[in-house]
Amino acid sequence: EIVLDARETSRKVANLRRDGRVSVVVGGRDGV
């Protein structure tokens, strides 16, 4: 699982409480 911390009042928390669908992109600078 991917884990992060966030402020309860952040828009990302409000958004995921409404709709839990998310995407994440990691890396890229080195071509991977």
PDB file of all heavy atoms in Angstrom:
ATOM      1  N   GLU A   1       0.857  -1.197   0.000  1.00  0.00           N
ATOM      2  CA  GLU A   1       0.000   0.000   0.000  1.00  0.00           C
ATOM      3  C   GLU A   1       0.888   1.241   0.000  1.00  0.00           C
ATOM      4  O   GLU A   1       1.989   1.222   0.560  1.00  0.00           O
ATOM      5  CB  GLU A   1      -0.872   0.030   1.263  1.00  0.00           C
ATOM      6  CG  GLU A   1      -1.751  -1.191   1.402  1.00  0.00           C
ATOM      7  CD  GLU A   1      -1.989  -1.582   2.849  1.00  0.00           C
ATOM      8  OE1 GLU A   1      -1.033  -1.562   3.657  1.00  0.00           O
ATOM      9  OE2 GLU A   1      -3.135  -1.916   3.165  1.00  0.00           O
ATOM     10  N   ILE A   2       0.406   2.296  -0.597  1.00  0.00           N
ATOM     11  CA  ILE A   2       1.090   3.584  -0.555  1.00  0.00           C
ATOM     12  C   ILE A   2       0.540   4.348   0.642  1.00  0.00           C
ATOM     13  O   ILE A   2      -0.666   4.371   0.875  1.00  0.00           O
ATOM     14  CB  ILE A   2       0.861   4.380  -1.858  1.00  0.00           C
ATOM     15  CG1 ILE A   2       1.398   3.590  -3.052  1.00  0.00           C
ATOM     16  CG2 ILE A   2       1.523   5.760  -1.762  1.00  0.00           C
ATOM     17  CD1 ILE A   2       1.043   4.182  -4.397  1.00  0.00           C
ATOM     18  N   VAL A   3       1.447   4.981   1.404  1.00  0.00           N
ATOM     19  CA  VAL A   3       1.054   5.694   2.615  1.00  0.00           C
ATOM     20  C   VAL A   3       1.632   7.105   2.582  1.00  0.00           C
ATOM     21  O   VAL A   3       2.773   7.319   2.174  1.00  0.00           O
ATOM     22  CB  VAL A   3       1.563   4.955   3.873  1.00  0.00           C
ATOM     23  CG1 VAL A   3       1.190   5.696   5.129  1.00  0.00           C
ATOM     24  CG2 VAL A   3       1.032   3.534   3.916  1.00  0.00           C
ATOM     25  N   LEU A   4       0.828   8.054   3.017  1.00  0.00           N
ATOM     26  CA  LEU A   4       1.256   9.442   3.144  1.00  0.00           C
ATOM     27  C   LEU A   4       0.541  10.072   4.324  1.00  0.00           C
ATOM     28  O   LEU A   4      -0.413   9.504   4.855  1.00  0.00           O
ATOM     29  CB  LEU A   4       0.963  10.212   1.854  1.00  0.00           C
ATOM     30  CG  LEU A   4      -0.491  10.205   1.394  1.00  0.00           C
ATOM     31  CD1 LEU A   4      -1.053  11.598   1.330  1.00  0.00           C
ATOM     32  CD2 LEU A   4      -0.557   9.550   0.014  1.00  0.00           C
ATOM     33  N   ASP A   5       1.011  11.236   4.731  1.00  0.00           N
ATOM     34  CA  ASP A   5       0.292  11.976   5.760  1.00  0.00           C
ATOM     35  C   ASP A   5      -0.261  13.245   5.142  1.00  0.00           C
ATOM     36  O   ASP A   5       0.222  13.714   4.115  1.00  0.00           O
ATOM     37  CB  ASP A   5       1.164  12.263   6.985  1.00  0.00           C
ATOM     38  CG  ASP A   5       2.271  13.274   6.732  1.00  0.00           C
ATOM     39  OD1 ASP A   5       2.572  13.587   5.563  1.00  0.00           O
ATOM     40  OD2 ASP A   5       2.848  13.767   7.710  1.00  0.00           O
ATOM     41  N   ALA A   6      -1.314  13.775   5.749  1.00  0.00           N
ATOM     42  CA  ALA A   6      -1.958  14.977   5.201  1.00  0.00           C
ATOM     43  C   ALA A   6      -2.706  15.709   6.307  1.00  0.00           C
ATOM     44  O   ALA A   6      -3.133  15.098   7.292  1.00  0.00           O
ATOM     45  CB  ALA A   6      -2.936  14.595   4.091  1.00  0.00           C
ATOM     46  N   ARG A   7      -2.865  16.987   6.121  1.00  0.00           N
ATOM     47  CA  ARG A   7      -3.698  17.765   7.045  1.00  0.00           C
ATOM     48  C   ARG A   7      -5.153  17.369   6.851  1.00  0.00           C
ATOM     49  O   ARG A   7      -5.620  17.239   5.723  1.00  0.00           O
ATOM     50  CB  ARG A   7      -3.562  19.261   6.791  1.00  0.00           C
ATOM     51  CG  ARG A   7      -2.231  19.791   7.160  1.00  0.00           C
ATOM     52  CD  ARG A   7      -2.319  21.210   7.723  1.00  0.00           C
ATOM     53  NE  ARG A   7      -1.127  21.458   8.516  1.00  0.00           N
ATOM     54  CZ  ARG A   7      -1.008  21.185   9.812  1.00  0.00           C
ATOM     55  NH1 ARG A   7      -2.013  20.705  10.475  1.00  0.00           N
ATOM     56  NH2 ARG A   7       0.108  21.423  10.451  1.00  0.00           N
ATOM     57  N   GLU A   8      -5.840  17.187   7.946  1.00  0.00           N
ATOM     58  CA  GLU A   8      -7.272  16.849   7.913  1.00  0.00           C
ATOM     59  C   GLU A   8      -8.054  17.857   7.075  1.00  0.00           C
ATOM     60  O   GLU A   8      -9.017  17.495   6.397  1.00  0.00           O
ATOM     61  CB  GLU A   8      -7.812  16.801   9.342  1.00  0.00           C
ATOM     62  CG  GLU A   8      -9.302  16.618   9.440  1.00  0.00           C
ATOM     63  CD  GLU A   8      -9.783  15.255   9.006  1.00  0.00           C
ATOM     64  OE1 GLU A   8      -9.184  14.261   9.394  1.00  0.00           O
ATOM     65  OE2 GLU A   8     -10.785  15.196   8.253  1.00  0.00           O
ATOM     66  N   THR A   9      -7.628  19.112   7.087  1.00  0.00           N
ATOM     67  CA  THR A   9      -8.346  20.186   6.387  1.00  0.00           C
ATOM     68  C   THR A   9      -7.919  20.363   4.928  1.00  0.00           C
ATOM     69  O   THR A   9      -8.436  21.246   4.246  1.00  0.00           O
ATOM     70  CB  THR A   9      -8.143  21.519   7.130  1.00  0.00           C
ATOM     71  OG1 THR A   9      -6.726  21.785   7.220  1.00  0.00           O
ATOM     72  CG2 THR A   9      -8.746  21.466   8.529  1.00  0.00           C
ATOM     73  N   SER A  10      -7.006  19.526   4.434  1.00  0.00           N
ATOM     74  CA  SER A  10      -6.515  19.688   3.068  1.00  0.00           C
ATOM     75  C   SER A  10      -7.577  19.282   2.049  1.00  0.00           C
ATOM     76  O   SER A  10      -8.473  18.483   2.331  1.00  0.00           O
ATOM     77  CB  SER A  10      -5.243  18.856   2.852  1.00  0.00           C
ATOM     78  OG  SER A  10      -5.553  17.478   2.887  1.00  0.00           O
ATOM     79  N   ARG A  11      -7.445  19.802   0.852  1.00  0.00           N
ATOM     80  CA  ARG A  11      -8.394  19.458  -0.200  1.00  0.00           C
ATOM     81  C   ARG A  11      -8.268  17.993  -0.594  1.00  0.00           C
ATOM     82  O   ARG A  11      -9.245  17.361  -0.951  1.00  0.00           O
ATOM     83  CB  ARG A  11      -8.277  20.393  -1.398  1.00  0.00           C
ATOM     84  CG  ARG A  11      -7.013  20.261  -2.195  1.00  0.00           C
ATOM     85  CD  ARG A  11      -6.945  21.276  -3.315  1.00  0.00           C
ATOM     86  NE  ARG A  11      -5.805  20.973  -4.172  1.00  0.00           N
ATOM     87  CZ  ARG A  11      -5.637  21.464  -5.363  1.00  0.00           C
ATOM     88  NH1 ARG A  11      -6.518  22.299  -5.870  1.00  0.00           N
ATOM     89  NH2 ARG A  11      -4.589  21.150  -6.072  1.00  0.00           N
ATOM     90  N   LYS A  12      -7.040  17.424  -0.507  1.00  0.00           N
ATOM     91  CA  LYS A  12      -6.885  16.016  -0.873  1.00  0.00           C
ATOM     92  C   LYS A  12      -7.679  15.120   0.063  1.00  0.00           C
ATOM     93  O   LYS A  12      -8.285  14.148  -0.367  1.00  0.00           O
ATOM     94  CB  LYS A  12      -5.411  15.616  -0.965  1.00  0.00           C
ATOM     95  CG  LYS A  12      -4.681  15.435   0.335  1.00  0.00           C
ATOM     96  CD  LYS A  12      -3.248  15.058   0.150  1.00  0.00           C
ATOM     97  CE  LYS A  12      -2.248  16.136   0.071  1.00  0.00           C
ATOM     98  NZ  LYS A  12      -2.404  17.448   0.455  1.00  0.00           N
ATOM     99  N   VAL A  13      -7.726  15.452   1.359  1.00  0.00           N
ATOM    100  CA  VAL A  13      -8.504  14.656   2.316  1.00  0.00           C
ATOM    101  C   VAL A  13      -9.998  14.826   2.049  1.00  0.00           C
ATOM    102  O   VAL A  13     -10.748  13.849   2.028  1.00  0.00           O
ATOM    103  CB  VAL A  13      -8.122  15.005   3.764  1.00  0.00           C
ATOM    104  CG1 VAL A  13      -9.084  14.372   4.757  1.00  0.00           C
ATOM    105  CG2 VAL A  13      -6.684  14.566   4.046  1.00  0.00           C
ATOM    106  N   ALA A  14     -10.438  16.050   1.823  1.00  0.00           N
ATOM    107  CA  ALA A  14     -11.856  16.279   1.499  1.00  0.00           C
ATOM    108  C   ALA A  14     -12.231  15.519   0.228  1.00  0.00           C
ATOM    109  O   ALA A  14     -13.295  14.882   0.168  1.00  0.00           O
ATOM    110  CB  ALA A  14     -12.124  17.771   1.325  1.00  0.00           C
ATOM    111  N   ASN A  15     -11.360  15.555  -0.769  1.00  0.00           N
ATOM    112  CA  ASN A  15     -11.632  14.867  -2.027  1.00  0.00           C
ATOM    113  C   ASN A  15     -11.731  13.359  -1.836  1.00  0.00           C
ATOM    114  O   ASN A  15     -12.673  12.722  -2.325  1.00  0.00           O
ATOM    115  CB  ASN A  15     -10.531  15.165  -3.050  1.00  0.00           C
ATOM    116  CG  ASN A  15     -10.570  16.581  -3.570  1.00  0.00           C
ATOM    117  OD1 ASN A  15     -11.550  17.306  -3.391  1.00  0.00           O
ATOM    118  ND2 ASN A  15      -9.490  17.002  -4.198  1.00  0.00           N
ATOM    119  N   LEU A  16     -10.782  12.762  -1.136  1.00  0.00           N
ATOM    120  CA  LEU A  16     -10.805  11.300  -1.023  1.00  0.00           C
ATOM    121  C   LEU A  16     -11.904  10.821  -0.085  1.00  0.00           C
ATOM    122  O   LEU A  16     -12.377   9.701  -0.224  1.00  0.00           O
ATOM    123  CB  LEU A  16      -9.436  10.733  -0.653  1.00  0.00           C
ATOM    124  CG  LEU A  16      -8.876  10.940   0.737  1.00  0.00           C
ATOM    125  CD1 LEU A  16      -9.361   9.861   1.693  1.00  0.00           C
ATOM    126  CD2 LEU A  16      -7.362  10.886   0.659  1.00  0.00           C
ATOM    127  N   ARG A  17     -12.343  11.658   0.847  1.00  0.00           N
ATOM    128  CA  ARG A  17     -13.501  11.282   1.671  1.00  0.00           C
ATOM    129  C   ARG A  17     -14.770  11.210   0.808  1.00  0.00           C
ATOM    130  O   ARG A  17     -15.648  10.414   1.060  1.00  0.00           O
ATOM    131  CB  ARG A  17     -13.699  12.273   2.807  1.00  0.00           C
ATOM    132  CG  ARG A  17     -12.682  12.116   3.927  1.00  0.00           C
ATOM    133  CD  ARG A  17     -13.101  12.937   5.139  1.00  0.00           C
ATOM    134  NE  ARG A  17     -12.112  12.987   6.166  1.00  0.00           N
ATOM    135  CZ  ARG A  17     -11.902  12.032   7.085  1.00  0.00           C
ATOM    136  NH1 ARG A  17     -12.624  10.938   7.056  1.00  0.00           N
ATOM    137  NH2 ARG A  17     -10.975  12.192   8.014  1.00  0.00           N
ATOM    138  N   ARG A  18     -14.823  12.030  -0.229  1.00  0.00           N
ATOM    139  CA  ARG A  18     -15.971  12.047  -1.140  1.00  0.00           C
ATOM    140  C   ARG A  18     -15.852  10.964  -2.214  1.00  0.00           C
ATOM    141  O   ARG A  18     -16.813  10.334  -2.598  1.00  0.00           O
ATOM    142  CB  ARG A  18     -16.078  13.438  -1.784  1.00  0.00           C
ATOM    143  CG  ARG A  18     -17.322  13.661  -2.631  1.00  0.00           C
ATOM    144  CD  ARG A  18     -17.365  15.039  -3.271  1.00  0.00           C
ATOM    145  NE  ARG A  18     -16.143  15.356  -4.005  1.00  0.00           N
ATOM    146  CZ  ARG A  18     -15.118  16.059  -3.523  1.00  0.00           C
ATOM    147  NH1 ARG A  18     -15.159  16.570  -2.325  1.00  0.00           N
ATOM    148  NH2 ARG A  18     -14.047  16.279  -4.257  1.00  0.00           N
ATOM    149  N   ASP A  19     -14.639  10.766  -2.710  1.00  0.00           N
ATOM    150  CA  ASP A  19     -14.386   9.804  -3.784  1.00  0.00           C
ATOM    151  C   ASP A  19     -12.968   9.295  -3.603  1.00  0.00           C
ATOM    152  O   ASP A  19     -12.012  10.046  -3.798  1.00  0.00           O
ATOM    153  CB  ASP A  19     -14.550  10.484  -5.146  1.00  0.00           C
ATOM    154  CG  ASP A  19     -14.482   9.522  -6.318  1.00  0.00           C
ATOM    155  OD1 ASP A  19     -13.888   8.435  -6.172  1.00  0.00           O
ATOM    156  OD2 ASP A  19     -15.020   9.865  -7.388  1.00  0.00           O
ATOM    157  N   GLY A  20     -12.824   8.043  -3.220  1.00  0.00           N
ATOM    158  CA  GLY A  20     -11.524   7.481  -2.890  1.00  0.00           C
ATOM    159  C   GLY A  20     -10.634   7.126  -4.061  1.00  0.00           C
ATOM    160  O   GLY A  20      -9.498   6.693  -3.865  1.00  0.00           O
ATOM    161  N   ARG A  21     -11.105   7.325  -5.291  1.00  0.00           N
ATOM    162  CA  ARG A  21     -10.275   7.002  -6.454  1.00  0.00           C
ATOM    163  C   ARG A  21      -9.128   7.999  -6.574  1.00  0.00           C
ATOM    164  O   ARG A  21      -9.360   9.216  -6.582  1.00  0.00           O
ATOM    165  CB  ARG A  21     -11.101   7.002  -7.732  1.00  0.00           C
ATOM    166  CG  ARG A  21     -12.153   5.904  -7.752  1.00  0.00           C
ATOM    167  CD  ARG A  21     -13.013   5.990  -8.981  1.00  0.00           C
ATOM    168  NE  ARG A  21     -13.766   7.258  -8.959  1.00  0.00           N
ATOM    169  CZ  ARG A  21     -14.389   7.769 -10.012  1.00  0.00           C
ATOM    170  NH1 ARG A  21     -14.345   7.139 -11.182  1.00  0.00           N
ATOM    171  NH2 ARG A  21     -15.065   8.890  -9.905  1.00  0.00           N
ATOM    172  N   VAL A  22      -7.909   7.473  -6.651  1.00  0.00           N
ATOM    173  CA  VAL A  22      -6.718   8.313  -6.735  1.00  0.00           C
ATOM    174  C   VAL A  22      -5.745   7.728  -7.753  1.00  0.00           C
ATOM    175  O   VAL A  22      -5.849   6.563  -8.141  1.00  0.00           O
ATOM    176  CB  VAL A  22      -6.006   8.443  -5.372  1.00  0.00           C
ATOM    177  CG1 VAL A  22      -6.928   9.088  -4.343  1.00  0.00           C
ATOM    178  CG2 VAL A  22      -5.500   7.111  -4.869  1.00  0.00           C
ATOM    179  N   SER A  23      -4.789   8.556  -8.143  1.00  0.00           N
ATOM    180  CA  SER A  23      -3.665   8.067  -8.933  1.00  0.00           C
ATOM    181  C   SER A  23      -2.386   8.639  -8.340  1.00  0.00           C
ATOM    182  O   SER A  23      -2.391   9.685  -7.697  1.00  0.00           O
ATOM    183  CB  SER A  23      -3.811   8.448 -10.415  1.00  0.00           C
ATOM    184  OG  SER A  23      -3.735   9.839 -10.574  1.00  0.00           O
ATOM    185  N   VAL A  24      -1.302   7.917  -8.561  1.00  0.00           N
ATOM    186  CA  VAL A  24      -0.005   8.299  -8.020  1.00  0.00           C
ATOM    187  C   VAL A  24       1.040   8.047  -9.099  1.00  0.00           C
ATOM    188  O   VAL A  24       0.995   7.025  -9.794  1.00  0.00           O
ATOM    189  CB  VAL A  24       0.341   7.460  -6.760  1.00  0.00           C
ATOM    190  CG1 VAL A  24       1.679   7.870  -6.181  1.00  0.00           C
ATOM    191  CG2 VAL A  24      -0.759   7.573  -5.713  1.00  0.00           C
ATOM    192  N   VAL A  25       1.977   8.977  -9.231  1.00  0.00           N
ATOM    193  CA  VAL A  25       3.110   8.797 -10.138  1.00  0.00           C
ATOM    194  C   VAL A  25       4.385   8.985  -9.323  1.00  0.00           C
ATOM    195  O   VAL A  25       4.536   9.977  -8.612  1.00  0.00           O
ATOM    196  CB  VAL A  25       3.081   9.801 -11.313  1.00  0.00           C
ATOM    197  CG1 VAL A  25       4.314   9.632 -12.190  1.00  0.00           C
ATOM    198  CG2 VAL A  25       1.809   9.633 -12.129  1.00  0.00           C
ATOM    199  N   VAL A  26       5.279   8.012  -9.425  1.00  0.00           N
ATOM    200  CA  VAL A  26       6.549   8.031  -8.700  1.00  0.00           C
ATOM    201  C   VAL A  26       7.672   7.921  -9.716  1.00  0.00           C
ATOM    202  O   VAL A  26       7.596   7.125 -10.653  1.00  0.00           O
ATOM    203  CB  VAL A  26       6.622   6.846  -7.702  1.00  0.00           C
ATOM    204  CG1 VAL A  26       7.952   6.846  -6.954  1.00  0.00           C
ATOM    205  CG2 VAL A  26       5.450   6.875  -6.733  1.00  0.00           C
ATOM    206  N   GLY A  27       8.719   8.708  -9.519  1.00  0.00           N
ATOM    207  CA  GLY A  27       9.894   8.630 -10.373  1.00  0.00           C
ATOM    208  C   GLY A  27       9.730   9.398 -11.672  1.00  0.00           C
ATOM    209  O   GLY A  27       8.913  10.307 -11.772  1.00  0.00           O
ATOM    210  N   GLY A  28      10.540   9.048 -12.654  1.00  0.00           N
ATOM    211  CA  GLY A  28      10.449   9.674 -13.964  1.00  0.00           C
ATOM    212  C   GLY A  28      11.698  10.405 -14.383  1.00  0.00           C
ATOM    213  O   GLY A  28      12.052  10.419 -15.558  1.00  0.00           O
ATOM    214  N   ARG A  29      12.368  11.001 -13.456  1.00  0.00           N
ATOM    215  CA  ARG A  29      13.532  11.819 -13.794  1.00  0.00           C
ATOM    216  C   ARG A  29      14.624  11.010 -14.490  1.00  0.00           C
ATOM    217  O   ARG A  29      15.296  11.500 -15.389  1.00  0.00           O
ATOM    218  CB  ARG A  29      14.082  12.462 -12.525  1.00  0.00           C
ATOM    219  CG  ARG A  29      15.141  13.495 -12.772  1.00  0.00           C
ATOM    220  CD  ARG A  29      15.525  14.205 -11.531  1.00  0.00           C
ATOM    221  NE  ARG A  29      14.314  14.745 -10.920  1.00  0.00           N
ATOM    222  CZ  ARG A  29      14.286  15.425  -9.797  1.00  0.00           C
ATOM    223  NH1 ARG A  29      15.391  15.656  -9.149  1.00  0.00           N
ATOM    224  NH2 ARG A  29      13.155  15.884  -9.308  1.00  0.00           N
ATOM    225  N   ASP A  30      14.769   9.737 -14.092  1.00  0.00           N
ATOM    226  CA  ASP A  30      15.814   8.895 -14.658  1.00  0.00           C
ATOM    227  C   ASP A  30      15.314   7.992 -15.787  1.00  0.00           C
ATOM    228  O   ASP A  30      16.031   7.122 -16.252  1.00  0.00           O
ATOM    229  CB  ASP A  30      16.453   8.051 -13.565  1.00  0.00           C
ATOM    230  CG  ASP A  30      15.491   7.058 -12.939  1.00  0.00           C
ATOM    231  OD1 ASP A  30      14.274   7.121 -13.231  1.00  0.00           O
ATOM    232  OD2 ASP A  30      15.944   6.208 -12.152  1.00  0.00           O
ATOM    233  N   GLY A  31      14.059   8.179 -16.205  1.00  0.00           N
ATOM    234  CA  GLY A  31      13.509   7.367 -17.274  1.00  0.00           C
ATOM    235  C   GLY A  31      12.716   6.167 -16.807  1.00  0.00           C
ATOM    236  O   GLY A  31      12.247   5.375 -17.623  1.00  0.00           O
ATOM    237  N   VAL A  32      12.563   6.011 -15.479  1.00  0.00           N
ATOM    238  CA  VAL A  32      11.783   4.919 -14.911  1.00  0.00           C
ATOM    239  C   VAL A  32      10.637   5.529 -14.117  1.00  0.00           C
ATOM    240  O   VAL A  32      10.848   6.385 -13.260  1.00  0.00           O
ATOM    241  CB  VAL A  32      12.632   4.017 -13.996  1.00  0.00           C
ATOM    242  CG1 VAL A  32      11.813   2.846 -13.484  1.00  0.00           C
ATOM    243  CG2 VAL A  32      13.872   3.525 -14.724  1.00  0.00           C
TER     244      VAL A  32
END
